[in-house]
Protein backbone atom coordinates (compact mmCIF):
# COMPACT_ATOMS: atom_id res chain seq x y z
CA UNK A 1 0.00 0.00 0.00
CA UNK A 2 1.28 3.45 -0.92
CA UNK A 3 2.01 5.70 2.01
CA UNK A 4 2.44 9.45 1.53
CA UNK A 5 5.33 11.39 2.96
CA UNK A 6 2.99 13.08 5.45
CA UNK A 7 1.70 9.68 6.60
CA UNK A 8 5.28 8.47 7.05
CA UNK A 9 6.29 11.59 8.95
CA UNK A 10 3.30 11.38 11.28
CA UNK A 11 3.80 7.65 11.77
CA UNK A 12 7.48 8.07 12.66
CA UNK A 13 6.66 10.98 14.97
CA UNK A 14 3.93 9.00 16.75
CA UNK A 15 5.99 5.83 16.99
CA UNK A 16 8.97 7.71 18.42
CA UNK A 17 7.09 10.43 20.33
CA UNK A 18 8.71 9.48 23.62
CA UNK A 19 12.23 9.54 22.23
CA UNK A 20 11.70 12.82 20.36
CA UNK A 21 10.11 14.37 23.47
CA UNK A 22 13.05 13.31 25.66
CA UNK A 23 15.51 14.80 23.17
CA UNK A 24 13.47 18.01 23.05
CA UNK A 25 13.31 18.23 26.84
CA UNK A 26 17.03 17.76 27.12
CA UNK A 27 17.54 20.53 24.55
CA UNK A 28 15.17 23.09 26.10
CA UNK A 29 16.43 22.34 29.60
CA UNK A 30 19.97 23.25 28.51
CA UNK A 31 19.42 25.95 25.87
CA UNK A 32 20.31 29.47 27.06
CA UNK A 33 17.25 30.86 25.24
CA UNK A 34 14.85 28.71 27.28
CA UNK A 35 16.02 29.27 30.86
CA UNK A 36 12.50 28.78 32.26
CA UNK A 37 12.79 25.12 31.29
CA UNK A 38 16.06 24.81 33.23
CA UNK A 39 14.00 24.87 36.43
CA UNK A 40 11.66 22.10 35.28
CA UNK A 41 12.34 18.46 35.96
CA UNK A 42 12.28 16.06 33.03
CA UNK A 43 8.92 14.81 34.34
CA UNK A 44 7.49 18.34 34.17
CA UNK A 45 9.00 19.09 30.77
CA UNK A 46 8.27 15.85 28.96
CA UNK A 47 4.43 16.04 28.80
CA UNK A 48 4.61 19.38 26.98
CA UNK A 49 6.09 17.73 23.90
CA UNK A 50 4.65 14.22 24.06
CA UNK A 51 1.10 15.54 24.02
CA UNK A 52 1.72 17.47 20.83
CA UNK A 53 3.59 14.69 19.03
CA UNK A 54 0.86 12.19 19.90
CA UNK A 55 -1.89 14.55 18.67
CA UNK A 56 -0.17 15.66 15.48
CA UNK A 57 -2.15 13.22 13.28
CA UNK A 58 -5.48 14.64 14.50
CA UNK A 59 -4.33 18.19 13.80
CA UNK A 60 -2.51 17.52 10.53
CA UNK A 61 -5.18 15.42 8.83
CA UNK A 62 -8.23 17.23 10.21
CA UNK A 63 -10.79 18.46 7.70
CA UNK A 64 -10.44 21.77 9.56
CA UNK A 65 -6.82 21.78 10.74
CA UNK A 66 -6.85 25.44 11.74
CA UNK A 67 -9.75 24.80 14.12
CA UNK A 68 -7.74 21.98 15.69
CA UNK A 69 -4.62 24.17 15.80
CA UNK A 70 -6.61 26.96 17.46
CA UNK A 71 -7.97 24.64 20.16
CA UNK A 72 -4.62 23.00 20.91
CA UNK A 73 -2.44 26.11 20.87
CA UNK A 74 -4.97 28.28 22.69
CA UNK A 75 -4.87 25.77 25.52
CA UNK A 76 -1.07 25.72 25.34
CA UNK A 77 -0.99 29.54 25.51
CA UNK A 78 -3.17 29.48 28.60
CA UNK A 79 -0.98 26.83 30.23
CA UNK A 80 2.27 28.72 29.68
CA UNK A 81 0.71 31.94 30.95
CA UNK A 82 -0.52 30.22 34.12
CA UNK A 83 2.91 28.60 34.57
CA UNK A 84 4.53 32.05 34.44
CA UNK A 85 6.66 31.13 31.45
CA UNK A 86 8.03 34.10 29.52
CA UNK A 87 6.36 34.29 26.11
CA UNK A 88 9.61 34.51 24.13
CA UNK A 89 10.87 31.30 25.71
CA UNK A 90 7.60 29.48 25.08
CA UNK A 91 7.73 30.45 21.41
CA UNK A 92 11.35 29.40 21.06
CA UNK A 93 10.50 26.07 22.72
CA UNK A 94 7.77 25.52 20.09
CA UNK A 95 10.26 26.27 17.33
CA UNK A 96 12.60 23.72 18.89
CA UNK A 97 9.73 21.22 19.09
CA UNK A 98 9.17 21.51 15.35
CA UNK A 99 12.91 21.30 14.69
CA UNK A 100 13.31 18.15 16.80
CA UNK A 101 10.49 16.46 14.92
CA UNK A 102 12.20 17.19 11.59
CA UNK A 103 15.66 16.27 12.85
CA UNK A 104 14.43 12.93 14.09
CA UNK A 105 12.63 12.17 10.83
CA UNK A 106 15.69 13.19 8.85
CA UNK A 107 17.94 11.03 11.03
CA UNK A 108 15.66 8.07 10.39
CA UNK A 109 16.13 8.67 6.63
CA UNK A 110 12.83 6.90 6.05
CA UNK A 111 11.53 9.19 3.35
CA UNK A 112 14.37 9.53 0.88
CA UNK A 113 12.93 8.54 -2.49
CA UNK A 114 12.52 10.58 -5.63
CA UNK A 115 8.75 10.09 -5.52
CA UNK A 116 8.56 11.58 -2.04
CA UNK A 117 10.38 14.84 -2.83
CA UNK A 118 7.34 16.83 -3.97
CA UNK A 119 5.20 15.47 -1.14
CA UNK A 120 8.01 16.18 1.31
CA UNK A 121 8.07 19.85 0.34
CA UNK A 122 4.28 20.04 0.58
CA UNK A 123 4.27 18.29 3.96
CA UNK A 124 7.06 20.48 5.34
CA UNK A 125 5.21 23.60 4.19
CA UNK A 126 1.94 22.47 5.77
CA UNK A 127 3.67 21.62 9.05
CA UNK A 128 5.39 25.01 9.09
CA UNK A 129 2.06 26.77 8.38
CA UNK A 130 0.35 24.86 11.20
CA UNK A 131 3.15 25.67 13.66
CA UNK A 132 3.26 29.32 12.54
CA UNK A 133 -0.49 29.64 12.98
CA UNK A 134 -0.17 27.91 16.36
CA UNK A 135 2.55 30.31 17.46
CA UNK A 136 0.34 33.26 16.49
CA UNK A 137 -2.51 31.79 18.57
CA UNK A 138 -0.21 31.26 21.57
CA UNK A 139 0.86 34.90 21.38
CA UNK A 140 -2.76 36.09 21.08
CA UNK A 141 -3.94 33.97 24.02
CA UNK A 142 -0.97 34.91 26.20
CA UNK A 143 -1.40 38.63 25.52
CA UNK A 144 -5.16 38.46 26.12
CA UNK A 145 -4.57 36.81 29.49
CA UNK A 146 -1.73 39.19 30.36
CA UNK A 147 -3.93 42.22 29.70
CA UNK A 148 -6.67 40.71 31.84
C-alpha atoms as a PDB file:
ATOM      1  CA  UNK A   1       0.000   0.000   0.000  1.00  0.00           C
ATOM      2  CA  UNK A   2       1.277   3.450  -0.916  1.00  0.00           C
ATOM      3  CA  UNK A   3       2.006   5.701   2.007  1.00  0.00           C
ATOM      4  CA  UNK A   4       2.440   9.454   1.531  1.00  0.00           C
ATOM      5  CA  UNK A   5       5.327  11.394   2.956  1.00  0.00           C
ATOM      6  CA  UNK A   6       2.986  13.077   5.450  1.00  0.00           C
ATOM      7  CA  UNK A   7       1.702   9.678   6.603  1.00  0.00           C
ATOM      8  CA  UNK A   8       5.276   8.466   7.048  1.00  0.00           C
ATOM      9  CA  UNK A   9       6.292  11.587   8.952  1.00  0.00           C
ATOM     10  CA  UNK A  10       3.301  11.380  11.281  1.00  0.00           C
ATOM     11  CA  UNK A  11       3.798   7.653  11.775  1.00  0.00           C
ATOM     12  CA  UNK A  12       7.480   8.068  12.662  1.00  0.00           C
ATOM     13  CA  UNK A  13       6.657  10.981  14.966  1.00  0.00           C
ATOM     14  CA  UNK A  14       3.930   9.004  16.755  1.00  0.00           C
ATOM     15  CA  UNK A  15       5.989   5.827  16.991  1.00  0.00           C
ATOM     16  CA  UNK A  16       8.966   7.708  18.423  1.00  0.00           C
ATOM     17  CA  UNK A  17       7.085  10.431  20.332  1.00  0.00           C
ATOM     18  CA  UNK A  18       8.712   9.476  23.624  1.00  0.00           C
ATOM     19  CA  UNK A  19      12.231   9.539  22.231  1.00  0.00           C
ATOM     20  CA  UNK A  20      11.697  12.821  20.357  1.00  0.00           C
ATOM     21  CA  UNK A  21      10.114  14.367  23.473  1.00  0.00           C
ATOM     22  CA  UNK A  22      13.049  13.306  25.658  1.00  0.00           C
ATOM     23  CA  UNK A  23      15.510  14.804  23.168  1.00  0.00           C
ATOM     24  CA  UNK A  24      13.468  18.011  23.046  1.00  0.00           C
ATOM     25  CA  UNK A  25      13.310  18.228  26.845  1.00  0.00           C
ATOM     26  CA  UNK A  26      17.033  17.762  27.124  1.00  0.00           C
ATOM     27  CA  UNK A  27      17.541  20.528  24.547  1.00  0.00           C
ATOM     28  CA  UNK A  28      15.172  23.095  26.101  1.00  0.00           C
ATOM     29  CA  UNK A  29      16.434  22.335  29.603  1.00  0.00           C
ATOM     30  CA  UNK A  30      19.972  23.254  28.514  1.00  0.00           C
ATOM     31  CA  UNK A  31      19.420  25.949  25.869  1.00  0.00           C
ATOM     32  CA  UNK A  32      20.306  29.472  27.059  1.00  0.00           C
ATOM     33  CA  UNK A  33      17.251  30.864  25.239  1.00  0.00           C
ATOM     34  CA  UNK A  34      14.852  28.713  27.284  1.00  0.00           C
ATOM     35  CA  UNK A  35      16.020  29.272  30.857  1.00  0.00           C
ATOM     36  CA  UNK A  36      12.505  28.779  32.260  1.00  0.00           C
ATOM     37  CA  UNK A  37      12.793  25.116  31.290  1.00  0.00           C
ATOM     38  CA  UNK A  38      16.060  24.811  33.230  1.00  0.00           C
ATOM     39  CA  UNK A  39      14.000  24.874  36.426  1.00  0.00           C
ATOM     40  CA  UNK A  40      11.663  22.095  35.282  1.00  0.00           C
ATOM     41  CA  UNK A  41      12.340  18.458  35.963  1.00  0.00           C
ATOM     42  CA  UNK A  42      12.281  16.062  33.027  1.00  0.00           C
ATOM     43  CA  UNK A  43       8.924  14.814  34.340  1.00  0.00           C
ATOM     44  CA  UNK A  44       7.492  18.337  34.171  1.00  0.00           C
ATOM     45  CA  UNK A  45       8.999  19.090  30.768  1.00  0.00           C
ATOM     46  CA  UNK A  46       8.272  15.846  28.955  1.00  0.00           C
ATOM     47  CA  UNK A  47       4.431  16.039  28.796  1.00  0.00           C
ATOM     48  CA  UNK A  48       4.609  19.382  26.984  1.00  0.00           C
ATOM     49  CA  UNK A  49       6.086  17.727  23.896  1.00  0.00           C
ATOM     50  CA  UNK A  50       4.655  14.225  24.061  1.00  0.00           C
ATOM     51  CA  UNK A  51       1.101  15.541  24.021  1.00  0.00           C
ATOM     52  CA  UNK A  52       1.723  17.474  20.826  1.00  0.00           C
ATOM     53  CA  UNK A  53       3.585  14.691  19.029  1.00  0.00           C
ATOM     54  CA  UNK A  54       0.859  12.194  19.901  1.00  0.00           C
ATOM     55  CA  UNK A  55      -1.894  14.551  18.668  1.00  0.00           C
ATOM     56  CA  UNK A  56      -0.168  15.656  15.483  1.00  0.00           C
ATOM     57  CA  UNK A  57      -2.153  13.221  13.283  1.00  0.00           C
ATOM     58  CA  UNK A  58      -5.482  14.638  14.500  1.00  0.00           C
ATOM     59  CA  UNK A  59      -4.330  18.187  13.801  1.00  0.00           C
ATOM     60  CA  UNK A  60      -2.511  17.524  10.530  1.00  0.00           C
ATOM     61  CA  UNK A  61      -5.183  15.415   8.830  1.00  0.00           C
ATOM     62  CA  UNK A  62      -8.233  17.229  10.206  1.00  0.00           C
ATOM     63  CA  UNK A  63     -10.788  18.458   7.695  1.00  0.00           C
ATOM     64  CA  UNK A  64     -10.443  21.770   9.558  1.00  0.00           C
ATOM     65  CA  UNK A  65      -6.825  21.783  10.739  1.00  0.00           C
ATOM     66  CA  UNK A  66      -6.852  25.443  11.739  1.00  0.00           C
ATOM     67  CA  UNK A  67      -9.747  24.801  14.115  1.00  0.00           C
ATOM     68  CA  UNK A  68      -7.739  21.978  15.695  1.00  0.00           C
ATOM     69  CA  UNK A  69      -4.618  24.172  15.799  1.00  0.00           C
ATOM     70  CA  UNK A  70      -6.607  26.962  17.460  1.00  0.00           C
ATOM     71  CA  UNK A  71      -7.966  24.640  20.156  1.00  0.00           C
ATOM     72  CA  UNK A  72      -4.620  22.998  20.910  1.00  0.00           C
ATOM     73  CA  UNK A  73      -2.437  26.114  20.875  1.00  0.00           C
ATOM     74  CA  UNK A  74      -4.974  28.280  22.692  1.00  0.00           C
ATOM     75  CA  UNK A  75      -4.874  25.766  25.520  1.00  0.00           C
ATOM     76  CA  UNK A  76      -1.072  25.721  25.345  1.00  0.00           C
ATOM     77  CA  UNK A  77      -0.992  29.541  25.513  1.00  0.00           C
ATOM     78  CA  UNK A  78      -3.173  29.484  28.598  1.00  0.00           C
ATOM     79  CA  UNK A  79      -0.982  26.830  30.228  1.00  0.00           C
ATOM     80  CA  UNK A  80       2.271  28.716  29.684  1.00  0.00           C
ATOM     81  CA  UNK A  81       0.710  31.938  30.948  1.00  0.00           C
ATOM     82  CA  UNK A  82      -0.515  30.225  34.122  1.00  0.00           C
ATOM     83  CA  UNK A  83       2.909  28.602  34.565  1.00  0.00           C
ATOM     84  CA  UNK A  84       4.525  32.054  34.443  1.00  0.00           C
ATOM     85  CA  UNK A  85       6.658  31.133  31.450  1.00  0.00           C
ATOM     86  CA  UNK A  86       8.027  34.098  29.517  1.00  0.00           C
ATOM     87  CA  UNK A  87       6.362  34.290  26.113  1.00  0.00           C
ATOM     88  CA  UNK A  88       9.605  34.512  24.135  1.00  0.00           C
ATOM     89  CA  UNK A  89      10.874  31.304  25.714  1.00  0.00           C
ATOM     90  CA  UNK A  90       7.599  29.484  25.083  1.00  0.00           C
ATOM     91  CA  UNK A  91       7.734  30.455  21.408  1.00  0.00           C
ATOM     92  CA  UNK A  92      11.353  29.402  21.063  1.00  0.00           C
ATOM     93  CA  UNK A  93      10.505  26.069  22.721  1.00  0.00           C
ATOM     94  CA  UNK A  94       7.770  25.522  20.092  1.00  0.00           C
ATOM     95  CA  UNK A  95      10.264  26.269  17.327  1.00  0.00           C
ATOM     96  CA  UNK A  96      12.601  23.724  18.894  1.00  0.00           C
ATOM     97  CA  UNK A  97       9.727  21.221  19.089  1.00  0.00           C
ATOM     98  CA  UNK A  98       9.171  21.509  15.347  1.00  0.00           C
ATOM     99  CA  UNK A  99      12.912  21.297  14.691  1.00  0.00           C
ATOM    100  CA  UNK A 100      13.307  18.149  16.796  1.00  0.00           C
ATOM    101  CA  UNK A 101      10.489  16.456  14.923  1.00  0.00           C
ATOM    102  CA  UNK A 102      12.196  17.186  11.587  1.00  0.00           C
ATOM    103  CA  UNK A 103      15.665  16.268  12.847  1.00  0.00           C
ATOM    104  CA  UNK A 104      14.432  12.931  14.090  1.00  0.00           C
ATOM    105  CA  UNK A 105      12.630  12.165  10.833  1.00  0.00           C
ATOM    106  CA  UNK A 106      15.694  13.192   8.846  1.00  0.00           C
ATOM    107  CA  UNK A 107      17.937  11.035  11.029  1.00  0.00           C
ATOM    108  CA  UNK A 108      15.657   8.067  10.391  1.00  0.00           C
ATOM    109  CA  UNK A 109      16.125   8.670   6.627  1.00  0.00           C
ATOM    110  CA  UNK A 110      12.826   6.897   6.053  1.00  0.00           C
ATOM    111  CA  UNK A 111      11.533   9.194   3.353  1.00  0.00           C
ATOM    112  CA  UNK A 112      14.374   9.532   0.881  1.00  0.00           C
ATOM    113  CA  UNK A 113      12.933   8.542  -2.488  1.00  0.00           C
ATOM    114  CA  UNK A 114      12.515  10.585  -5.634  1.00  0.00           C
ATOM    115  CA  UNK A 115       8.750  10.094  -5.516  1.00  0.00           C
ATOM    116  CA  UNK A 116       8.564  11.583  -2.037  1.00  0.00           C
ATOM    117  CA  UNK A 117      10.377  14.844  -2.832  1.00  0.00           C
ATOM    118  CA  UNK A 118       7.339  16.834  -3.973  1.00  0.00           C
ATOM    119  CA  UNK A 119       5.201  15.468  -1.144  1.00  0.00           C
ATOM    120  CA  UNK A 120       8.009  16.178   1.309  1.00  0.00           C
ATOM    121  CA  UNK A 121       8.074  19.846   0.337  1.00  0.00           C
ATOM    122  CA  UNK A 122       4.279  20.037   0.579  1.00  0.00           C
ATOM    123  CA  UNK A 123       4.273  18.287   3.960  1.00  0.00           C
ATOM    124  CA  UNK A 124       7.055  20.482   5.341  1.00  0.00           C
ATOM    125  CA  UNK A 125       5.213  23.604   4.189  1.00  0.00           C
ATOM    126  CA  UNK A 126       1.935  22.474   5.772  1.00  0.00           C
ATOM    127  CA  UNK A 127       3.673  21.624   9.047  1.00  0.00           C
ATOM    128  CA  UNK A 128       5.388  25.008   9.095  1.00  0.00           C
ATOM    129  CA  UNK A 129       2.056  26.767   8.383  1.00  0.00           C
ATOM    130  CA  UNK A 130       0.351  24.862  11.200  1.00  0.00           C
ATOM    131  CA  UNK A 131       3.146  25.672  13.657  1.00  0.00           C
ATOM    132  CA  UNK A 132       3.259  29.324  12.542  1.00  0.00           C
ATOM    133  CA  UNK A 133      -0.487  29.637  12.983  1.00  0.00           C
ATOM    134  CA  UNK A 134      -0.174  27.910  16.357  1.00  0.00           C
ATOM    135  CA  UNK A 135       2.552  30.306  17.459  1.00  0.00           C
ATOM    136  CA  UNK A 136       0.338  33.257  16.491  1.00  0.00           C
ATOM    137  CA  UNK A 137      -2.515  31.789  18.568  1.00  0.00           C
ATOM    138  CA  UNK A 138      -0.211  31.259  21.570  1.00  0.00           C
ATOM    139  CA  UNK A 139       0.860  34.902  21.385  1.00  0.00           C
ATOM    140  CA  UNK A 140      -2.755  36.092  21.082  1.00  0.00           C
ATOM    141  CA  UNK A 141      -3.941  33.966  24.015  1.00  0.00           C
ATOM    142  CA  UNK A 142      -0.974  34.910  26.203  1.00  0.00           C
ATOM    143  CA  UNK A 143      -1.405  38.629  25.524  1.00  0.00           C
ATOM    144  CA  UNK A 144      -5.162  38.461  26.117  1.00  0.00           C
ATOM    145  CA  UNK A 145      -4.568  36.807  29.491  1.00  0.00           C
ATOM    146  CA  UNK A 146      -1.730  39.191  30.361  1.00  0.00           C
ATOM    147  CA  UNK A 147      -3.928  42.225  29.704  1.00  0.00           C
ATOM    148  CA  UNK A 148      -6.670  40.712  31.841  1.00  0.00           C
END
